């Protein structure tokens, strides 16, 4: 039986990965995952695609909010915005929604480190961002992840990709929440429903990849040869999309732990 071999969250969208041994599954995905995001003053979302240095920002959830640190910068503690905090209409791909503003101190910290005017926003209870209704229930919601609350990749799929690369890449290039071992390469492409730690998960569609996977999470530098995107394009392209990993929706709440068995309930 496959096994859950890694759990990872990214409290600030595009920040450094935060590995966990256990995590709580909530309606928006893993607790604390992608609940904060950097945006331009007009609300346009920013990621490591535009600002690779974001990958070196370490974001740690705290009992009252978020702790941010980065190379050469003093850490800052950011409280969760109050119910009366100012709001900003943000755009994330094709979605526009209202997010809570973290405040001037956090905005200045991000702007100084990343070298352009930015604001920090938060997914509070008032923010409502539905998942694509063509592939989700009307009640499904997502925070600041690109499109779906969770993403799953198998170790075998990465290993198979690395046999085709002159320089192997790490799982960190793909920024999954859930990593599975003990299956064959791309077995996750066939899974429709799985159960991990008592939580049922629906694998809704393959994850379309972009230039962010060419940015090394350790160095924050783009690969000059556009790898591994270039190699994936040669054998994982369908239509105009390059696919690697699976987008996932939770069909319940509960606890996940590294080492949990992954029970495949339905294939398709």
C-alpha atoms as a PDB file:
ATOM      1  CA  UNK A   1       0.000   0.000   0.000  1.00  0.00           C
ATOM      2  CA  UNK A   2       1.324   3.498  -0.774  1.00  0.00           C
ATOM      3  CA  UNK A   3       2.363   5.660   2.168  1.00  0.00           C
ATOM      4  CA  UNK A   4       2.263   9.371   2.922  1.00  0.00           C
ATOM      5  CA  UNK A   5       5.983  10.180   3.017  1.00  0.00           C
ATOM      6  CA  UNK A   6       5.948  13.987   3.378  1.00  0.00           C
ATOM      7  CA  UNK A   7       3.639  16.830   4.404  1.00  0.00           C
ATOM      8  CA  UNK A   8       4.455  20.417   3.511  1.00  0.00           C
ATOM      9  CA  UNK A   9       2.778  23.806   3.839  1.00  0.00           C
ATOM     10  CA  UNK A  10       3.626  27.254   2.470  1.00  0.00           C
ATOM     11  CA  UNK A  11       1.997  29.729   4.895  1.00  0.00           C
ATOM     12  CA  UNK A  12       2.848  32.677   2.621  1.00  0.00           C
ATOM     13  CA  UNK A  13       2.238  31.958  -1.057  1.00  0.00           C
ATOM     14  CA  UNK A  14       5.586  31.190  -2.765  1.00  0.00           C
ATOM     15  CA  UNK A  15       7.543  31.252   0.518  1.00  0.00           C
ATOM     16  CA  UNK A  16      10.046  28.617   1.639  1.00  0.00           C
ATOM     17  CA  UNK A  17       8.544  25.175   2.254  1.00  0.00           C
ATOM     18  CA  UNK A  18       7.641  24.288   5.838  1.00  0.00           C
ATOM     19  CA  UNK A  19       7.794  20.485   6.302  1.00  0.00           C
ATOM     20  CA  UNK A  20       5.565  18.926   8.952  1.00  0.00           C
ATOM     21  CA  UNK A  21       5.220  15.531  10.585  1.00  0.00           C
ATOM     22  CA  UNK A  22       1.445  15.959  10.994  1.00  0.00           C
ATOM     23  CA  UNK A  23      -1.177  18.415   9.805  1.00  0.00           C
ATOM     24  CA  UNK A  24      -4.858  19.196  10.161  1.00  0.00           C
ATOM     25  CA  UNK A  25      -7.047  19.032   7.059  1.00  0.00           C
ATOM     26  CA  UNK A  26      -9.525  21.909   6.932  1.00  0.00           C
ATOM     27  CA  UNK A  27     -12.029  22.961   4.246  1.00  0.00           C
ATOM     28  CA  UNK A  28      -9.349  25.245   2.704  1.00  0.00           C
ATOM     29  CA  UNK A  29      -6.727  22.492   2.702  1.00  0.00           C
ATOM     30  CA  UNK A  30      -3.978  21.969   5.260  1.00  0.00           C
ATOM     31  CA  UNK A  31      -4.178  24.285   8.246  1.00  0.00           C
ATOM     32  CA  UNK A  32      -2.095  27.473   7.711  1.00  0.00           C
ATOM     33  CA  UNK A  33      -1.287  26.620   4.079  1.00  0.00           C
ATOM     34  CA  UNK A  34      -1.250  29.639   1.742  1.00  0.00           C
ATOM     35  CA  UNK A  35      -3.355  31.818   4.008  1.00  0.00           C
ATOM     36  CA  UNK A  36      -1.127  34.884   3.369  1.00  0.00           C
ATOM     37  CA  UNK A  37      -0.034  36.433   0.080  1.00  0.00           C
ATOM     38  CA  UNK A  38       2.028  39.315  -1.281  1.00  0.00           C
ATOM     39  CA  UNK A  39       0.226  41.584  -3.746  1.00  0.00           C
ATOM     40  CA  UNK A  40       0.982  44.771  -5.621  1.00  0.00           C
ATOM     41  CA  UNK A  41      -0.780  47.926  -4.413  1.00  0.00           C
ATOM     42  CA  UNK A  42      -3.474  47.342  -7.041  1.00  0.00           C
ATOM     43  CA  UNK A  43      -4.160  43.860  -5.617  1.00  0.00           C
ATOM     44  CA  UNK A  44      -2.424  41.806  -8.319  1.00  0.00           C
ATOM     45  CA  UNK A  45      -0.951  38.655  -6.778  1.00  0.00           C
ATOM     46  CA  UNK A  46       2.809  38.110  -6.712  1.00  0.00           C
ATOM     47  CA  UNK A  47       4.682  34.809  -6.586  1.00  0.00           C
ATOM     48  CA  UNK A  48       8.137  33.359  -7.124  1.00  0.00           C
ATOM     49  CA  UNK A  49       7.445  33.546 -10.853  1.00  0.00           C
ATOM     50  CA  UNK A  50       7.916  37.309 -10.730  1.00  0.00           C
ATOM     51  CA  UNK A  51       9.922  37.559  -7.498  1.00  0.00           C
ATOM     52  CA  UNK A  52      12.144  34.480  -7.018  1.00  0.00           C
ATOM     53  CA  UNK A  53      13.462  35.912  -3.721  1.00  0.00           C
ATOM     54  CA  UNK A  54      10.050  35.096  -2.220  1.00  0.00           C
ATOM     55  CA  UNK A  55      11.259  31.490  -2.026  1.00  0.00           C
ATOM     56  CA  UNK A  56      13.775  32.587   0.635  1.00  0.00           C
ATOM     57  CA  UNK A  57      11.144  34.145   2.894  1.00  0.00           C
ATOM     58  CA  UNK A  58      10.454  31.843   5.847  1.00  0.00           C
ATOM     59  CA  UNK A  59       6.925  32.086   7.172  1.00  0.00           C
ATOM     60  CA  UNK A  60       6.052  30.361  10.440  1.00  0.00           C
ATOM     61  CA  UNK A  61       2.511  30.286  11.846  1.00  0.00           C
ATOM     62  CA  UNK A  62       2.302  31.537  15.431  1.00  0.00           C
ATOM     63  CA  UNK A  63      -0.541  31.474  17.976  1.00  0.00           C
ATOM     64  CA  UNK A  64      -1.372  35.074  17.011  1.00  0.00           C
ATOM     65  CA  UNK A  65      -0.450  35.240  13.349  1.00  0.00           C
ATOM     66  CA  UNK A  66       2.711  34.829  11.295  1.00  0.00           C
ATOM     67  CA  UNK A  67       6.452  35.237  11.816  1.00  0.00           C
ATOM     68  CA  UNK A  68       8.393  36.340   8.721  1.00  0.00           C
ATOM     69  CA  UNK A  69      12.167  36.157   8.279  1.00  0.00           C
ATOM     70  CA  UNK A  70      14.512  36.416   5.311  1.00  0.00           C
ATOM     71  CA  UNK A  71      18.263  36.640   4.637  1.00  0.00           C
ATOM     72  CA  UNK A  72      19.650  39.946   5.853  1.00  0.00           C
ATOM     73  CA  UNK A  73      16.362  41.063   7.394  1.00  0.00           C
ATOM     74  CA  UNK A  74      15.276  41.228  11.029  1.00  0.00           C
ATOM     75  CA  UNK A  75      12.222  39.008  11.626  1.00  0.00           C
ATOM     76  CA  UNK A  76       8.788  40.535  12.008  1.00  0.00           C
ATOM     77  CA  UNK A  77       5.724  39.265  13.835  1.00  0.00           C
ATOM     78  CA  UNK A  78       2.497  39.848  11.927  1.00  0.00           C
ATOM     79  CA  UNK A  79      -0.802  39.503  13.828  1.00  0.00           C
ATOM     80  CA  UNK A  80      -3.874  38.058  12.168  1.00  0.00           C
ATOM     81  CA  UNK A  81      -5.901  41.048  10.927  1.00  0.00           C
ATOM     82  CA  UNK A  82      -8.845  41.961  13.124  1.00  0.00           C
ATOM     83  CA  UNK A  83     -12.436  41.853  11.970  1.00  0.00           C
ATOM     84  CA  UNK A  84     -12.205  45.622  11.479  1.00  0.00           C
ATOM     85  CA  UNK A  85      -9.002  45.579   9.397  1.00  0.00           C
ATOM     86  CA  UNK A  86      -8.989  47.345   6.052  1.00  0.00           C
ATOM     87  CA  UNK A  87      -9.639  45.213   2.979  1.00  0.00           C
ATOM     88  CA  UNK A  88      -8.289  45.030  -0.547  1.00  0.00           C
ATOM     89  CA  UNK A  89      -9.801  43.540  -3.681  1.00  0.00           C
ATOM     90  CA  UNK A  90      -7.158  41.121  -4.921  1.00  0.00           C
ATOM     91  CA  UNK A  91      -6.826  39.325  -8.248  1.00  0.00           C
ATOM     92  CA  UNK A  92      -5.516  35.757  -8.369  1.00  0.00           C
ATOM     93  CA  UNK A  93      -5.573  34.361 -11.904  1.00  0.00           C
ATOM     94  CA  UNK A  94      -9.207  34.781 -13.017  1.00  0.00           C
ATOM     95  CA  UNK A  95     -10.565  35.329  -9.512  1.00  0.00           C
ATOM     96  CA  UNK A  96     -11.234  38.611  -7.748  1.00  0.00           C
ATOM     97  CA  UNK A  97     -12.066  38.617  -4.053  1.00  0.00           C
ATOM     98  CA  UNK A  98     -11.758  40.728  -0.931  1.00  0.00           C
ATOM     99  CA  UNK A  99      -8.884  39.923   1.451  1.00  0.00           C
ATOM    100  CA  UNK A 100      -7.898  41.383   4.821  1.00  0.00           C
ATOM    101  CA  UNK A 101      -4.860  43.696   4.921  1.00  0.00           C
ATOM    102  CA  UNK A 102      -2.041  42.838   7.328  1.00  0.00           C
ATOM    103  CA  UNK A 103      -0.973  46.436   7.907  1.00  0.00           C
ATOM    104  CA  UNK A 104       1.703  48.981   7.102  1.00  0.00           C
ATOM    105  CA  UNK A 105       4.555  47.349   9.046  1.00  0.00           C
ATOM    106  CA  UNK A 106       4.208  44.037   7.225  1.00  0.00           C
ATOM    107  CA  UNK A 107       3.810  45.839   3.893  1.00  0.00           C
ATOM    108  CA  UNK A 108       7.036  47.773   4.478  1.00  0.00           C
ATOM    109  CA  UNK A 109       8.961  44.662   5.510  1.00  0.00           C
ATOM    110  CA  UNK A 110       7.985  42.801   2.334  1.00  0.00           C
ATOM    111  CA  UNK A 111       8.558  45.842   0.126  1.00  0.00           C
ATOM    112  CA  UNK A 112      12.030  46.481   1.535  1.00  0.00           C
ATOM    113  CA  UNK A 113      13.125  42.870   1.141  1.00  0.00           C
ATOM    114  CA  UNK A 114      11.690  42.283  -2.325  1.00  0.00           C
ATOM    115  CA  UNK A 115      12.521  45.689  -3.753  1.00  0.00           C
ATOM    116  CA  UNK A 116       9.142  46.960  -4.888  1.00  0.00           C
ATOM    117  CA  UNK A 117       5.927  48.247  -3.292  1.00  0.00           C
ATOM    118  CA  UNK A 118       3.916  45.318  -1.932  1.00  0.00           C
ATOM    119  CA  UNK A 119       1.107  44.630   0.489  1.00  0.00           C
ATOM    120  CA  UNK A 120       0.482  41.560   2.631  1.00  0.00           C
ATOM    121  CA  UNK A 121      -3.050  40.141   2.677  1.00  0.00           C
ATOM    122  CA  UNK A 122      -4.761  37.361   4.598  1.00  0.00           C
ATOM    123  CA  UNK A 123      -7.546  34.822   4.026  1.00  0.00           C
ATOM    124  CA  UNK A 124     -10.062  35.734   6.707  1.00  0.00           C
ATOM    125  CA  UNK A 125     -13.594  34.301   7.120  1.00  0.00           C
ATOM    126  CA  UNK A 126     -15.064  37.062   4.971  1.00  0.00           C
ATOM    127  CA  UNK A 127     -12.999  36.079   1.937  1.00  0.00           C
ATOM    128  CA  UNK A 128     -14.857  33.663  -0.320  1.00  0.00           C
ATOM    129  CA  UNK A 129     -13.060  32.135  -3.302  1.00  0.00           C
ATOM    130  CA  UNK A 130     -14.915  29.198  -4.882  1.00  0.00           C
ATOM    131  CA  UNK A 131     -13.073  26.347  -6.583  1.00  0.00           C
ATOM    132  CA  UNK A 132     -13.796  25.899 -10.307  1.00  0.00           C
ATOM    133  CA  UNK A 133     -17.432  24.688 -10.246  1.00  0.00           C
ATOM    134  CA  UNK A 134     -16.820  22.412 -13.246  1.00  0.00           C
ATOM    135  CA  UNK A 135     -14.681  20.157 -11.034  1.00  0.00           C
ATOM    136  CA  UNK A 136     -15.863  20.885  -7.501  1.00  0.00           C
ATOM    137  CA  UNK A 137     -18.918  21.086  -5.310  1.00  0.00           C
ATOM    138  CA  UNK A 138     -20.645  24.477  -4.927  1.00  0.00           C
ATOM    139  CA  UNK A 139     -19.401  24.680  -1.338  1.00  0.00           C
ATOM    140  CA  UNK A 140     -15.711  24.030  -2.130  1.00  0.00           C
ATOM    141  CA  UNK A 141     -13.447  26.984  -1.362  1.00  0.00           C
ATOM    142  CA  UNK A 142      -9.738  27.684  -1.771  1.00  0.00           C
ATOM    143  CA  UNK A 143      -7.416  30.234  -0.162  1.00  0.00           C
ATOM    144  CA  UNK A 144      -4.391  31.635  -1.990  1.00  0.00           C
ATOM    145  CA  UNK A 145      -3.314  28.376  -3.658  1.00  0.00           C
ATOM    146  CA  UNK A 146      -3.351  28.714  -7.438  1.00  0.00           C
ATOM    147  CA  UNK A 147      -6.615  26.831  -7.964  1.00  0.00           C
ATOM    148  CA  UNK A 148      -7.130  23.897  -5.583  1.00  0.00           C
ATOM    149  CA  UNK A 149      -6.568  23.511  -1.833  1.00  0.00           C
ATOM    150  CA  UNK A 150      -4.118  20.597  -2.026  1.00  0.00           C
ATOM    151  CA  UNK A 151      -1.586  19.082  -4.395  1.00  0.00           C
ATOM    152  CA  UNK A 152      -0.177  15.549  -4.402  1.00  0.00           C
ATOM    153  CA  UNK A 153       2.900  14.065  -6.121  1.00  0.00           C
ATOM    154  CA  UNK A 154       4.458  10.616  -5.817  1.00  0.00           C
ATOM    155  CA  UNK A 155       8.145  10.040  -5.156  1.00  0.00           C
ATOM    156  CA  UNK A 156       8.180   7.588  -8.053  1.00  0.00           C
ATOM    157  CA  UNK A 157       7.023  10.235 -10.519  1.00  0.00           C
ATOM    158  CA  UNK A 158       9.870  12.521  -9.464  1.00  0.00           C
ATOM    159  CA  UNK A 159      12.369   9.656  -9.664  1.00  0.00           C
ATOM    160  CA  UNK A 160      11.201   8.817 -13.178  1.00  0.00           C
ATOM    161  CA  UNK A 161      11.572  12.454 -14.241  1.00  0.00           C
ATOM    162  CA  UNK A 162      15.067  12.596 -12.780  1.00  0.00           C
ATOM    163  CA  UNK A 163      16.183   9.674 -14.962  1.00  0.00           C
ATOM    164  CA  UNK A 164      15.623  12.009 -17.922  1.00  0.00           C
ATOM    165  CA  UNK A 165      17.517  15.008 -16.496  1.00  0.00           C
ATOM    166  CA  UNK A 166      21.250  15.634 -16.529  1.00  0.00           C
ATOM    167  CA  UNK A 167      20.852  17.458 -13.207  1.00  0.00           C
ATOM    168  CA  UNK A 168      18.222  15.906 -10.912  1.00  0.00           C
ATOM    169  CA  UNK A 169      15.708  18.215  -9.255  1.00  0.00           C
ATOM    170  CA  UNK A 170      14.160  18.019  -5.817  1.00  0.00           C
ATOM    171  CA  UNK A 171      10.535  17.624  -4.850  1.00  0.00           C
ATOM    172  CA  UNK A 172      10.777  21.222  -3.632  1.00  0.00           C
ATOM    173  CA  UNK A 173      10.676  22.428  -7.243  1.00  0.00           C
ATOM    174  CA  UNK A 174       7.050  21.265  -7.441  1.00  0.00           C
ATOM    175  CA  UNK A 175       5.782  22.552  -4.066  1.00  0.00           C
ATOM    176  CA  UNK A 176       3.348  19.731  -3.213  1.00  0.00           C
ATOM    177  CA  UNK A 177       1.456  19.443   0.059  1.00  0.00           C
ATOM    178  CA  UNK A 178       1.303  15.654  -0.004  1.00  0.00           C
ATOM    179  CA  UNK A 179       4.070  13.304  -1.158  1.00  0.00           C
ATOM    180  CA  UNK A 180       3.387   9.594  -1.534  1.00  0.00           C
ATOM    181  CA  UNK A 181       5.830   6.690  -1.668  1.00  0.00           C
ATOM    182  CA  UNK A 182       5.359   3.021  -2.517  1.00  0.00           C
ATOM    183  CA  UNK A 183       3.620   3.319  -5.888  1.00  0.00           C
ATOM    184  CA  UNK A 184       4.717   3.229  -9.509  1.00  0.00           C
ATOM    185  CA  UNK A 185       5.519   6.409 -11.454  1.00  0.00           C
ATOM    186  CA  UNK A 186       2.442   8.510 -12.210  1.00  0.00           C
ATOM    187  CA  UNK A 187       0.119   6.107 -10.413  1.00  0.00           C
ATOM    188  CA  UNK A 188      -1.529   9.236  -8.984  1.00  0.00           C
ATOM    189  CA  UNK A 189      -2.774  10.056 -12.488  1.00  0.00           C
ATOM    190  CA  UNK A 190      -5.162   7.098 -12.210  1.00  0.00           C
ATOM    191  CA  UNK A 191      -6.408   7.777  -8.689  1.00  0.00           C
ATOM    192  CA  UNK A 192      -9.786   9.452  -8.283  1.00  0.00           C
ATOM    193  CA  UNK A 193     -10.348   9.003  -4.541  1.00  0.00           C
ATOM    194  CA  UNK A 194      -7.967   8.077  -1.725  1.00  0.00           C
ATOM    195  CA  UNK A 195      -8.166   7.890   2.038  1.00  0.00           C
ATOM    196  CA  UNK A 196      -5.248   9.027   4.205  1.00  0.00           C
ATOM    197  CA  UNK A 197      -5.446   9.014   7.981  1.00  0.00           C
ATOM    198  CA  UNK A 198      -9.211   8.642   7.843  1.00  0.00           C
ATOM    199  CA  UNK A 199      -9.605  11.683   5.566  1.00  0.00           C
ATOM    200  CA  UNK A 200     -11.067  11.088   2.129  1.00  0.00           C
ATOM    201  CA  UNK A 201      -9.496  13.105  -0.684  1.00  0.00           C
ATOM    202  CA  UNK A 202     -10.688  13.599  -4.261  1.00  0.00           C
ATOM    203  CA  UNK A 203      -8.029  13.894  -6.963  1.00  0.00           C
ATOM    204  CA  UNK A 204      -9.756  16.250  -9.355  1.00  0.00           C
ATOM    205  CA  UNK A 205      -7.351  16.998 -12.209  1.00  0.00           C
ATOM    206  CA  UNK A 206      -3.649  16.960 -13.128  1.00  0.00           C
ATOM    207  CA  UNK A 207      -1.653  20.003 -12.065  1.00  0.00           C
ATOM    208  CA  UNK A 208      -0.594  22.233 -14.970  1.00  0.00           C
ATOM    209  CA  UNK A 209       2.981  23.448 -14.493  1.00  0.00           C
ATOM    210  CA  UNK A 210       4.600  26.804 -15.207  1.00  0.00           C
ATOM    211  CA  UNK A 211       8.009  28.465 -15.070  1.00  0.00           C
ATOM    212  CA  UNK A 212       8.024  28.411 -11.252  1.00  0.00           C
ATOM    213  CA  UNK A 213       9.307  24.819 -11.352  1.00  0.00           C
ATOM    214  CA  UNK A 214      12.456  26.108 -13.087  1.00  0.00           C
ATOM    215  CA  UNK A 215      13.369  28.165  -9.983  1.00  0.00           C
ATOM    216  CA  UNK A 216      15.662  26.273  -7.604  1.00  0.00           C
ATOM    217  CA  UNK A 217      14.106  26.528  -4.127  1.00  0.00           C
ATOM    218  CA  UNK A 218      17.554  26.551  -2.510  1.00  0.00           C
ATOM    219  CA  UNK A 219      19.209  29.243  -4.639  1.00  0.00           C
ATOM    220  CA  UNK A 220      16.076  31.086  -5.893  1.00  0.00           C
ATOM    221  CA  UNK A 221      17.681  31.097  -9.347  1.00  0.00           C
ATOM    222  CA  UNK A 222      16.000  30.122 -12.594  1.00  0.00           C
ATOM    223  CA  UNK A 223      17.536  27.251 -14.537  1.00  0.00           C
ATOM    224  CA  UNK A 224      19.151  28.675 -17.686  1.00  0.00           C
ATOM    225  CA  UNK A 225      17.913  25.681 -19.697  1.00  0.00           C
ATOM    226  CA  UNK A 226      14.333  25.920 -18.367  1.00  0.00           C
ATOM    227  CA  UNK A 227      14.597  22.544 -16.659  1.00  0.00           C
ATOM    228  CA  UNK A 228      12.717  20.532 -15.579  1.00  0.00           C
ATOM    229  CA  UNK A 229       9.891  22.213 -17.527  1.00  0.00           C
ATOM    230  CA  UNK A 230      11.630  21.621 -20.829  1.00  0.00           C
ATOM    231  CA  UNK A 231      11.958  17.876 -20.271  1.00  0.00           C
ATOM    232  CA  UNK A 232       8.432  17.528 -18.909  1.00  0.00           C
ATOM    233  CA  UNK A 233       7.124  19.274 -22.019  1.00  0.00           C
ATOM    234  CA  UNK A 234       8.593  16.479 -24.148  1.00  0.00           C
ATOM    235  CA  UNK A 235       6.480  13.736 -22.564  1.00  0.00           C
ATOM    236  CA  UNK A 236       3.934  15.222 -20.152  1.00  0.00           C
ATOM    237  CA  UNK A 237       2.245  17.776 -22.379  1.00  0.00           C
ATOM    238  CA  UNK A 238      -1.461  17.562 -23.150  1.00  0.00           C
ATOM    239  CA  UNK A 239      -2.809  20.312 -25.342  1.00  0.00           C
ATOM    240  CA  UNK A 240      -1.014  23.455 -24.209  1.00  0.00           C
ATOM    241  CA  UNK A 241      -0.456  22.283 -20.620  1.00  0.00           C
ATOM    242  CA  UNK A 242       2.442  20.421 -18.999  1.00  0.00           C
ATOM    243  CA  UNK A 243       1.133  18.107 -16.286  1.00  0.00           C
ATOM    244  CA  UNK A 244       2.833  16.831 -13.137  1.00  0.00           C
ATOM    245  CA  UNK A 245       1.065  15.927  -9.892  1.00  0.00           C
ATOM    246  CA  UNK A 246      -2.608  16.020  -8.996  1.00  0.00           C
ATOM    247  CA  UNK A 247      -4.868  18.749  -7.642  1.00  0.00           C
ATOM    248  CA  UNK A 248      -6.823  17.541  -4.632  1.00  0.00           C
ATOM    249  CA  UNK A 249      -9.989  18.445  -2.724  1.00  0.00           C
ATOM    250  CA  UNK A 250     -10.633  17.279   0.838  1.00  0.00           C
ATOM    251  CA  UNK A 251     -13.896  15.440   1.388  1.00  0.00           C
ATOM    252  CA  UNK A 252     -13.724  15.726   5.145  1.00  0.00           C
ATOM    253  CA  UNK A 253     -11.600  17.054   7.973  1.00  0.00           C
ATOM    254  CA  UNK A 254      -9.096  15.322  10.222  1.00  0.00           C
ATOM    255  CA  UNK A 255      -5.437  14.651  10.899  1.00  0.00           C
ATOM    256  CA  UNK A 256      -2.739  13.479   8.499  1.00  0.00           C
ATOM    257  CA  UNK A 257       0.592  12.074   9.667  1.00  0.00           C
ATOM    258  CA  UNK A 258       3.727  11.158   7.781  1.00  0.00           C
ATOM    259  CA  UNK A 259       3.687   7.377   7.563  1.00  0.00           C
ATOM    260  CA  UNK A 260      -0.093   7.095   7.154  1.00  0.00           C
ATOM    261  CA  UNK A 261      -1.163   4.473   4.611  1.00  0.00           C
ATOM    262  CA  UNK A 262      -2.724   5.778   1.395  1.00  0.00           C
ATOM    263  CA  UNK A 263      -5.782   3.679   0.558  1.00  0.00           C
ATOM    264  CA  UNK A 264      -6.848   3.999  -3.059  1.00  0.00           C
ATOM    265  CA  UNK A 265     -10.664   3.975  -3.057  1.00  0.00           C
ATOM    266  CA  UNK A 266     -11.312   4.601  -6.746  1.00  0.00           C
ATOM    267  CA  UNK A 267      -9.303   4.695  -9.950  1.00  0.00           C
ATOM    268  CA  UNK A 268     -10.283   6.085 -13.296  1.00  0.00           C
END
